């Protein structure tokens, strides 16, 4: 939920705070359920947003505040449960209904060339759940930034023959 898209000085305070609370409530309930059933070496991936630490426009204040609060919620969970691996992921600009509510891929100034889909962050999440990714535990990661880094280092990776 993006929430109200009015600037802070004009927004209805109750609607603004309700949107933040609604976003945070959902994440709290997911975190509590996760902890009830998680194994001692479980992995949680907080799908977050770059809006947690970047300002895009005044109209995203409620959404940005909620996303930063959700980051802190999962970070606090990780601090209290050090055996659990928590990762925070900015999946990139994925062409979703929520993204379209905020203006869509075009609003970010990128050409919609068909690459703005869920396959990159989905594949990245599968890798994050593996033991090889534990060195990134607790980090706020950007899927598209890691893709560019990995591609730039492809010549240093050795792939075993099957």
N, C-alpha and C. Protein backbone atom coordinates (compact mmCIF):
# COMPACT_ATOMS: atom_id res chain seq x y z
N UNK A 1 0.84 -1.18 0.00
CA UNK A 1 0.00 0.00 0.00
C UNK A 1 0.88 1.24 0.00
N UNK A 2 0.70 2.10 -0.96
CA UNK A 2 1.48 3.33 -1.02
C UNK A 2 0.98 4.34 0.00
N UNK A 3 -0.31 4.38 0.22
CA UNK A 3 -0.87 5.34 1.16
C UNK A 3 -1.17 6.65 0.47
N UNK A 4 -1.53 7.65 1.26
CA UNK A 4 -1.88 8.94 0.66
C UNK A 4 -0.67 9.54 -0.05
N UNK A 5 -0.94 10.19 -1.15
CA UNK A 5 0.15 10.76 -1.95
C UNK A 5 0.17 12.28 -1.87
N UNK A 6 -0.32 12.80 -0.76
CA UNK A 6 -0.30 14.24 -0.53
C UNK A 6 0.99 14.62 0.19
N UNK A 7 1.50 15.83 -0.03
CA UNK A 7 2.68 16.28 0.71
C UNK A 7 2.37 16.34 2.21
N UNK A 8 3.37 16.20 3.04
CA UNK A 8 3.21 16.18 4.49
C UNK A 8 2.42 17.38 5.00
N UNK A 9 2.68 18.55 4.44
CA UNK A 9 2.00 19.75 4.94
C UNK A 9 0.51 19.82 4.57
N UNK A 10 0.05 18.92 3.68
CA UNK A 10 -1.35 18.95 3.26
C UNK A 10 -2.13 17.69 3.60
N UNK A 11 -1.44 16.63 3.96
CA UNK A 11 -2.10 15.33 4.13
C UNK A 11 -2.93 15.29 5.42
N UNK A 12 -4.00 14.51 5.38
CA UNK A 12 -4.79 14.24 6.57
C UNK A 12 -3.94 13.32 7.46
N UNK A 13 -3.62 13.78 8.65
CA UNK A 13 -2.73 13.04 9.56
C UNK A 13 -3.21 11.65 9.89
N UNK A 14 -4.51 11.48 10.09
CA UNK A 14 -5.03 10.16 10.43
C UNK A 14 -4.86 9.18 9.28
N UNK A 15 -5.12 9.63 8.06
CA UNK A 15 -4.96 8.75 6.89
C UNK A 15 -3.48 8.42 6.67
N UNK A 16 -2.63 9.41 6.85
CA UNK A 16 -1.18 9.23 6.71
C UNK A 16 -0.68 8.17 7.68
N UNK A 17 -1.03 8.31 8.95
CA UNK A 17 -0.56 7.38 9.97
C UNK A 17 -1.20 6.00 9.84
N UNK A 18 -2.44 5.95 9.39
CA UNK A 18 -3.11 4.66 9.18
C UNK A 18 -2.40 3.86 8.09
N UNK A 19 -1.96 4.52 7.04
CA UNK A 19 -1.24 3.82 5.96
C UNK A 19 0.08 3.25 6.48
N UNK A 20 0.78 4.01 7.27
CA UNK A 20 2.04 3.52 7.87
C UNK A 20 1.74 2.32 8.75
N UNK A 21 0.72 2.47 9.61
CA UNK A 21 0.37 1.39 10.53
C UNK A 21 -0.08 0.14 9.78
N UNK A 22 -0.84 0.31 8.73
CA UNK A 22 -1.31 -0.85 7.96
C UNK A 22 -0.14 -1.62 7.36
N UNK A 23 0.83 -0.91 6.79
CA UNK A 23 2.02 -1.56 6.24
C UNK A 23 2.80 -2.27 7.34
N UNK A 24 2.99 -1.62 8.45
CA UNK A 24 3.78 -2.17 9.54
C UNK A 24 3.08 -3.35 10.21
N UNK A 25 1.77 -3.27 10.37
CA UNK A 25 1.01 -4.37 10.99
C UNK A 25 1.20 -5.67 10.22
N UNK A 26 1.06 -5.59 8.91
CA UNK A 26 1.20 -6.81 8.10
C UNK A 26 2.56 -7.45 8.29
N UNK A 27 3.59 -6.63 8.31
CA UNK A 27 4.95 -7.17 8.49
C UNK A 27 5.16 -7.72 9.89
N UNK A 28 4.58 -7.07 10.88
CA UNK A 28 4.69 -7.57 12.26
C UNK A 28 4.04 -8.94 12.38
N UNK A 29 2.85 -9.09 11.81
CA UNK A 29 2.17 -10.38 11.90
C UNK A 29 2.93 -11.47 11.15
N UNK A 30 3.51 -11.14 10.02
CA UNK A 30 4.33 -12.12 9.29
C UNK A 30 5.57 -12.49 10.13
N UNK A 31 6.21 -11.51 10.73
CA UNK A 31 7.40 -11.77 11.55
C UNK A 31 7.06 -12.66 12.74
N UNK A 32 5.95 -12.39 13.39
CA UNK A 32 5.54 -13.20 14.54
C UNK A 32 5.24 -14.64 14.12
N UNK A 33 4.54 -14.82 13.01
CA UNK A 33 4.25 -16.17 12.52
C UNK A 33 5.54 -16.88 12.12
N UNK A 34 6.43 -16.15 11.47
CA UNK A 34 7.72 -16.72 11.07
C UNK A 34 8.47 -17.25 12.30
N UNK A 35 8.53 -16.45 13.35
CA UNK A 35 9.26 -16.86 14.55
C UNK A 35 8.63 -18.08 15.22
N UNK A 36 7.33 -18.21 15.14
CA UNK A 36 6.65 -19.37 15.75
C UNK A 36 7.06 -20.68 15.09
N UNK A 37 7.34 -20.63 13.79
CA UNK A 37 7.59 -21.87 13.05
C UNK A 37 9.01 -22.00 12.49
N UNK A 38 9.83 -21.01 12.65
CA UNK A 38 11.17 -21.02 12.05
C UNK A 38 12.10 -22.01 12.74
N UNK A 39 12.93 -22.65 11.94
CA UNK A 39 13.98 -23.49 12.51
C UNK A 39 15.08 -22.57 13.05
N UNK A 40 16.02 -23.13 13.77
CA UNK A 40 17.06 -22.31 14.38
C UNK A 40 17.99 -21.66 13.37
N UNK A 41 18.08 -22.21 12.18
CA UNK A 41 18.95 -21.62 11.16
C UNK A 41 18.14 -21.08 9.98
N UNK A 42 16.94 -20.62 10.26
CA UNK A 42 16.02 -20.16 9.23
C UNK A 42 16.53 -18.89 8.53
N UNK A 43 15.96 -18.65 7.37
CA UNK A 43 16.27 -17.46 6.57
C UNK A 43 14.98 -16.68 6.34
N UNK A 44 15.04 -15.38 6.57
CA UNK A 44 13.92 -14.49 6.26
C UNK A 44 14.43 -13.42 5.31
N UNK A 45 13.66 -13.16 4.27
CA UNK A 45 14.03 -12.12 3.31
C UNK A 45 12.94 -11.07 3.31
N UNK A 46 13.29 -9.90 3.81
CA UNK A 46 12.39 -8.75 3.85
C UNK A 46 12.42 -8.09 2.48
N UNK A 47 11.34 -8.26 1.71
CA UNK A 47 11.25 -7.59 0.42
C UNK A 47 10.83 -6.16 0.72
N UNK A 48 11.73 -5.25 0.53
CA UNK A 48 11.54 -3.88 0.95
C UNK A 48 11.52 -2.96 -0.26
N UNK A 49 12.02 -1.77 -0.12
CA UNK A 49 11.98 -0.79 -1.20
C UNK A 49 13.11 0.21 -1.01
N UNK A 50 13.60 0.72 -2.13
CA UNK A 50 14.60 1.79 -2.04
C UNK A 50 14.00 3.02 -1.37
N UNK A 51 12.67 3.10 -1.32
CA UNK A 51 12.01 4.21 -0.66
C UNK A 51 12.29 4.24 0.84
N UNK A 52 12.83 3.16 1.38
CA UNK A 52 13.20 3.13 2.81
C UNK A 52 14.35 4.09 3.10
N UNK A 53 15.16 4.38 2.09
CA UNK A 53 16.29 5.29 2.36
C UNK A 53 16.57 6.31 1.26
N UNK A 54 15.69 6.41 0.28
CA UNK A 54 15.82 7.44 -0.75
C UNK A 54 14.51 8.21 -0.85
N UNK A 55 14.59 9.49 -1.09
CA UNK A 55 13.40 10.30 -1.33
C UNK A 55 13.15 10.40 -2.83
N UNK A 56 11.98 9.92 -3.27
CA UNK A 56 11.63 10.01 -4.68
C UNK A 56 10.83 11.27 -4.98
N UNK A 57 9.84 11.51 -4.13
CA UNK A 57 8.95 12.65 -4.31
C UNK A 57 8.19 12.86 -3.01
N UNK A 58 7.73 14.08 -2.76
CA UNK A 58 6.97 14.34 -1.52
C UNK A 58 5.75 13.44 -1.37
N UNK A 59 5.20 12.97 -2.48
CA UNK A 59 3.98 12.16 -2.40
C UNK A 59 4.20 10.75 -1.84
N UNK A 60 5.44 10.34 -1.63
CA UNK A 60 5.72 9.00 -1.11
C UNK A 60 6.16 9.00 0.35
N UNK A 61 5.89 10.06 1.10
CA UNK A 61 6.35 10.16 2.49
C UNK A 61 5.81 9.03 3.35
N UNK A 62 4.52 8.76 3.29
CA UNK A 62 3.92 7.71 4.11
C UNK A 62 4.52 6.35 3.78
N UNK A 63 4.63 6.06 2.51
CA UNK A 63 5.19 4.79 2.05
C UNK A 63 6.65 4.64 2.50
N UNK A 64 7.43 5.70 2.33
CA UNK A 64 8.85 5.66 2.71
C UNK A 64 9.04 5.43 4.20
N UNK A 65 8.24 6.11 5.01
CA UNK A 65 8.33 5.94 6.46
C UNK A 65 7.96 4.51 6.84
N UNK A 66 6.92 3.97 6.22
CA UNK A 66 6.51 2.59 6.50
C UNK A 66 7.61 1.61 6.14
N UNK A 67 8.24 1.81 4.99
CA UNK A 67 9.28 0.89 4.55
C UNK A 67 10.51 0.93 5.47
N UNK A 68 10.87 2.11 5.95
CA UNK A 68 11.98 2.19 6.89
C UNK A 68 11.62 1.51 8.20
N UNK A 69 10.38 1.66 8.65
CA UNK A 69 9.93 1.00 9.88
C UNK A 69 9.96 -0.52 9.72
N UNK A 70 9.57 -1.01 8.55
CA UNK A 70 9.59 -2.45 8.29
C UNK A 70 11.01 -2.98 8.29
N UNK A 71 11.92 -2.23 7.70
CA UNK A 71 13.35 -2.60 7.75
C UNK A 71 13.80 -2.74 9.20
N UNK A 72 13.47 -1.75 10.04
CA UNK A 72 13.88 -1.77 11.45
C UNK A 72 13.23 -2.94 12.20
N UNK A 73 11.97 -3.27 11.85
CA UNK A 73 11.29 -4.40 12.48
C UNK A 73 12.08 -5.69 12.24
N UNK A 74 12.40 -5.97 10.97
CA UNK A 74 13.13 -7.20 10.65
C UNK A 74 14.55 -7.16 11.18
N UNK A 75 15.16 -6.00 11.19
CA UNK A 75 16.50 -5.86 11.76
C UNK A 75 16.47 -6.14 13.26
N UNK A 76 15.45 -5.67 13.95
CA UNK A 76 15.30 -5.94 15.38
C UNK A 76 15.07 -7.43 15.63
N UNK A 77 14.28 -8.07 14.78
CA UNK A 77 14.07 -9.51 14.88
C UNK A 77 15.40 -10.24 14.74
N UNK A 78 16.21 -9.83 13.79
CA UNK A 78 17.52 -10.47 13.58
C UNK A 78 18.44 -10.25 14.78
N UNK A 79 18.41 -9.06 15.34
CA UNK A 79 19.25 -8.75 16.51
C UNK A 79 18.88 -9.65 17.69
N UNK A 80 17.59 -9.86 17.88
CA UNK A 80 17.12 -10.67 19.00
C UNK A 80 17.25 -12.17 18.75
N UNK A 81 17.46 -12.57 17.50
CA UNK A 81 17.54 -13.99 17.13
C UNK A 81 18.73 -14.19 16.21
N UNK A 82 19.91 -14.13 16.76
CA UNK A 82 21.14 -14.12 15.96
C UNK A 82 21.36 -15.38 15.12
N UNK A 83 20.68 -16.46 15.46
CA UNK A 83 20.85 -17.70 14.68
C UNK A 83 20.06 -17.65 13.37
N UNK A 84 19.14 -16.70 13.26
CA UNK A 84 18.33 -16.56 12.05
C UNK A 84 19.02 -15.57 11.10
N UNK A 85 19.03 -15.90 9.84
CA UNK A 85 19.60 -15.00 8.82
C UNK A 85 18.50 -14.16 8.21
N UNK A 86 18.60 -12.85 8.39
CA UNK A 86 17.64 -11.92 7.82
C UNK A 86 18.35 -11.08 6.77
N UNK A 87 17.76 -11.00 5.60
CA UNK A 87 18.26 -10.17 4.52
C UNK A 87 17.17 -9.17 4.16
N UNK A 88 17.56 -8.00 3.74
CA UNK A 88 16.63 -6.97 3.29
C UNK A 88 16.90 -6.76 1.81
N UNK A 89 15.86 -6.81 1.00
CA UNK A 89 16.07 -6.73 -0.45
C UNK A 89 15.22 -5.64 -1.09
N UNK A 90 15.89 -4.79 -1.83
CA UNK A 90 15.24 -3.85 -2.75
C UNK A 90 15.22 -4.60 -4.07
N UNK A 91 14.05 -5.09 -4.52
CA UNK A 91 14.03 -5.98 -5.68
C UNK A 91 14.30 -5.31 -7.01
N UNK A 92 14.33 -4.00 -7.02
CA UNK A 92 14.47 -3.29 -8.29
C UNK A 92 13.11 -2.76 -8.70
N UNK A 93 13.04 -2.21 -9.86
CA UNK A 93 11.79 -1.65 -10.35
C UNK A 93 11.06 -2.77 -11.07
N UNK A 94 10.19 -3.42 -10.33
CA UNK A 94 9.42 -4.54 -10.87
C UNK A 94 8.05 -4.01 -11.27
N UNK A 95 7.63 -4.34 -12.47
CA UNK A 95 6.38 -3.84 -13.02
C UNK A 95 5.20 -4.57 -12.37
N UNK A 96 4.76 -4.06 -11.22
CA UNK A 96 3.65 -4.64 -10.46
C UNK A 96 2.50 -3.64 -10.37
N UNK A 97 1.38 -4.07 -9.83
CA UNK A 97 0.23 -3.18 -9.63
C UNK A 97 0.60 -2.04 -8.68
N UNK A 98 1.35 -2.34 -7.61
CA UNK A 98 1.76 -1.30 -6.67
C UNK A 98 2.69 -0.30 -7.35
N UNK A 99 3.61 -0.79 -8.17
CA UNK A 99 4.51 0.10 -8.90
C UNK A 99 3.71 1.01 -9.83
N UNK A 100 2.71 0.45 -10.48
CA UNK A 100 1.88 1.24 -11.40
C UNK A 100 1.09 2.31 -10.65
N UNK A 101 0.69 1.99 -9.40
CA UNK A 101 -0.03 2.97 -8.57
C UNK A 101 0.84 4.20 -8.32
N UNK A 102 2.15 3.99 -8.23
CA UNK A 102 3.08 5.09 -8.01
C UNK A 102 3.57 5.75 -9.28
N UNK A 103 3.10 5.31 -10.44
CA UNK A 103 3.51 5.93 -11.69
C UNK A 103 4.11 4.95 -12.68
N UNK A 104 4.42 3.75 -12.22
CA UNK A 104 4.94 2.71 -13.11
C UNK A 104 6.40 2.89 -13.46
N UNK A 105 6.89 1.97 -14.26
CA UNK A 105 8.29 1.96 -14.69
C UNK A 105 8.65 3.28 -15.36
N UNK A 106 7.74 3.82 -16.15
CA UNK A 106 8.01 5.07 -16.86
C UNK A 106 8.29 6.23 -15.91
N UNK A 107 7.67 6.23 -14.73
CA UNK A 107 7.86 7.33 -13.77
C UNK A 107 9.30 7.41 -13.27
N UNK A 108 10.04 6.31 -13.41
CA UNK A 108 11.42 6.29 -12.96
C UNK A 108 12.40 6.68 -14.07
N UNK A 109 11.87 6.93 -15.25
CA UNK A 109 12.71 7.37 -16.35
C UNK A 109 13.42 6.24 -17.08
N UNK A 110 12.95 5.02 -16.88
CA UNK A 110 13.54 3.88 -17.57
C UNK A 110 12.61 3.43 -18.68
N UNK A 111 13.19 2.99 -19.75
CA UNK A 111 12.40 2.44 -20.84
C UNK A 111 11.94 1.05 -20.42
N UNK A 112 10.67 0.77 -20.62
CA UNK A 112 10.14 -0.55 -20.30
C UNK A 112 10.51 -1.51 -21.43
N UNK A 113 11.66 -2.14 -21.26
CA UNK A 113 12.17 -3.04 -22.30
C UNK A 113 11.86 -4.51 -22.00
N UNK A 114 10.95 -4.75 -21.07
CA UNK A 114 10.58 -6.11 -20.72
C UNK A 114 11.46 -6.72 -19.64
N UNK A 115 12.50 -6.03 -19.21
CA UNK A 115 13.41 -6.57 -18.19
C UNK A 115 12.91 -6.28 -16.78
N UNK A 116 11.90 -5.45 -16.65
CA UNK A 116 11.42 -5.05 -15.33
C UNK A 116 10.37 -6.05 -14.83
N UNK A 117 10.80 -7.27 -14.66
CA UNK A 117 9.89 -8.30 -14.17
C UNK A 117 10.48 -8.95 -12.92
N UNK A 118 9.81 -9.90 -12.44
CA UNK A 118 10.17 -10.47 -11.14
C UNK A 118 11.27 -11.53 -11.20
N UNK A 119 11.71 -11.95 -12.37
CA UNK A 119 12.65 -13.07 -12.45
C UNK A 119 14.01 -12.77 -11.79
N UNK A 120 14.52 -11.55 -11.93
CA UNK A 120 15.82 -11.25 -11.30
C UNK A 120 15.74 -11.29 -9.78
N UNK A 121 14.84 -10.54 -9.14
CA UNK A 121 14.79 -10.63 -7.68
C UNK A 121 14.37 -12.01 -7.18
N UNK A 122 13.54 -12.72 -7.93
CA UNK A 122 13.13 -14.07 -7.52
C UNK A 122 14.34 -14.99 -7.48
N UNK A 123 15.15 -14.95 -8.52
CA UNK A 123 16.36 -15.79 -8.57
C UNK A 123 17.34 -15.38 -7.48
N UNK A 124 17.46 -14.09 -7.25
CA UNK A 124 18.35 -13.59 -6.21
C UNK A 124 17.90 -14.07 -4.83
N UNK A 125 16.59 -14.11 -4.59
CA UNK A 125 16.07 -14.60 -3.32
C UNK A 125 16.39 -16.07 -3.11
N UNK A 126 16.30 -16.86 -4.16
CA UNK A 126 16.65 -18.28 -4.04
C UNK A 126 18.10 -18.41 -3.61
N UNK A 127 18.99 -17.61 -4.20
CA UNK A 127 20.40 -17.65 -3.82
C UNK A 127 20.59 -17.16 -2.39
N UNK A 128 19.88 -16.08 -1.99
CA UNK A 128 20.01 -15.57 -0.62
C UNK A 128 19.65 -16.63 0.41
N UNK A 129 18.74 -17.51 0.08
CA UNK A 129 18.33 -18.56 1.01
C UNK A 129 19.37 -19.67 1.14
N UNK A 130 20.39 -19.66 0.30
CA UNK A 130 21.42 -20.70 0.34
C UNK A 130 22.51 -20.35 1.36
N UNK A 131 23.23 -21.34 1.83
CA UNK A 131 24.32 -21.09 2.79
C UNK A 131 25.41 -20.17 2.22
N UNK A 132 25.60 -20.17 0.91
CA UNK A 132 26.63 -19.33 0.29
C UNK A 132 26.41 -17.84 0.52
N UNK A 133 25.19 -17.44 0.81
CA UNK A 133 24.87 -16.02 0.95
C UNK A 133 24.96 -15.52 2.39
N UNK A 134 25.31 -16.38 3.34
CA UNK A 134 25.30 -15.99 4.75
C UNK A 134 26.20 -14.79 5.06
N UNK A 135 27.22 -14.57 4.26
CA UNK A 135 28.11 -13.43 4.51
C UNK A 135 27.38 -12.10 4.31
N UNK A 136 26.21 -12.12 3.71
CA UNK A 136 25.42 -10.90 3.50
C UNK A 136 24.31 -10.73 4.55
N UNK A 137 24.31 -11.59 5.54
CA UNK A 137 23.29 -11.55 6.60
C UNK A 137 23.18 -10.15 7.19
N UNK A 138 21.94 -9.65 7.28
CA UNK A 138 21.69 -8.35 7.87
C UNK A 138 21.83 -7.17 6.92
N UNK A 139 22.27 -7.41 5.71
CA UNK A 139 22.51 -6.32 4.76
C UNK A 139 21.23 -5.94 4.01
N UNK A 140 21.19 -4.68 3.58
CA UNK A 140 20.12 -4.19 2.71
C UNK A 140 20.68 -4.24 1.30
N UNK A 141 20.17 -5.13 0.48
CA UNK A 141 20.72 -5.42 -0.84
C UNK A 141 19.80 -4.93 -1.95
N UNK A 142 20.40 -4.58 -3.06
CA UNK A 142 19.65 -4.16 -4.25
C UNK A 142 19.89 -5.21 -5.32
N UNK A 143 18.83 -5.92 -5.71
CA UNK A 143 18.98 -7.02 -6.66
C UNK A 143 19.64 -6.58 -7.96
N UNK A 144 19.22 -5.46 -8.53
CA UNK A 144 19.79 -5.04 -9.81
C UNK A 144 21.24 -4.60 -9.68
N UNK A 145 21.62 -4.04 -8.55
CA UNK A 145 23.01 -3.66 -8.34
C UNK A 145 23.88 -4.91 -8.25
N UNK A 146 23.40 -5.95 -7.58
CA UNK A 146 24.17 -7.20 -7.48
C UNK A 146 24.29 -7.87 -8.83
N UNK A 147 23.25 -7.78 -9.65
CA UNK A 147 23.32 -8.37 -10.98
C UNK A 147 24.45 -7.72 -11.78
N UNK A 148 24.53 -6.38 -11.73
CA UNK A 148 25.58 -5.68 -12.47
C UNK A 148 26.96 -6.05 -11.95
N UNK A 149 27.09 -6.17 -10.63
CA UNK A 149 28.37 -6.56 -10.02
C UNK A 149 28.75 -7.97 -10.45
N UNK A 150 27.79 -8.89 -10.38
CA UNK A 150 28.07 -10.28 -10.75
C UNK A 150 28.48 -10.39 -12.21
N UNK A 151 27.79 -9.65 -13.08
CA UNK A 151 28.13 -9.69 -14.50
C UNK A 151 29.53 -9.13 -14.72
N UNK A 152 29.90 -8.09 -13.98
CA UNK A 152 31.24 -7.51 -14.14
C UNK A 152 32.33 -8.46 -13.65
N UNK A 153 31.98 -9.44 -12.82
CA UNK A 153 32.96 -10.37 -12.25
C UNK A 153 32.84 -11.77 -12.82
N UNK A 154 32.06 -11.94 -13.86
CA UNK A 154 31.78 -13.27 -14.40
C UNK A 154 33.05 -14.03 -14.78
N UNK A 155 34.08 -13.31 -15.19
CA UNK A 155 35.32 -13.99 -15.59
C UNK A 155 36.08 -14.57 -14.40
N UNK A 156 35.72 -14.20 -13.18
CA UNK A 156 36.41 -14.72 -11.99
C UNK A 156 35.68 -15.91 -11.37
N UNK A 157 34.53 -16.26 -11.95
CA UNK A 157 33.74 -17.37 -11.40
C UNK A 157 34.07 -18.65 -12.15
N UNK A 158 34.33 -19.71 -11.40
CA UNK A 158 34.54 -20.99 -12.07
C UNK A 158 33.32 -21.85 -11.82
N UNK A 159 32.78 -22.40 -12.86
CA UNK A 159 31.60 -23.24 -12.77
C UNK A 159 32.04 -24.68 -12.98
N UNK A 160 31.80 -25.52 -11.96
CA UNK A 160 32.21 -26.93 -12.09
C UNK A 160 31.45 -27.61 -13.22
N UNK A 161 32.15 -28.49 -13.89
CA UNK A 161 31.50 -29.26 -14.95
C UNK A 161 30.66 -30.34 -14.32
N UNK A 162 29.52 -30.62 -14.93
CA UNK A 162 28.63 -31.65 -14.36
C UNK A 162 28.97 -33.03 -14.83
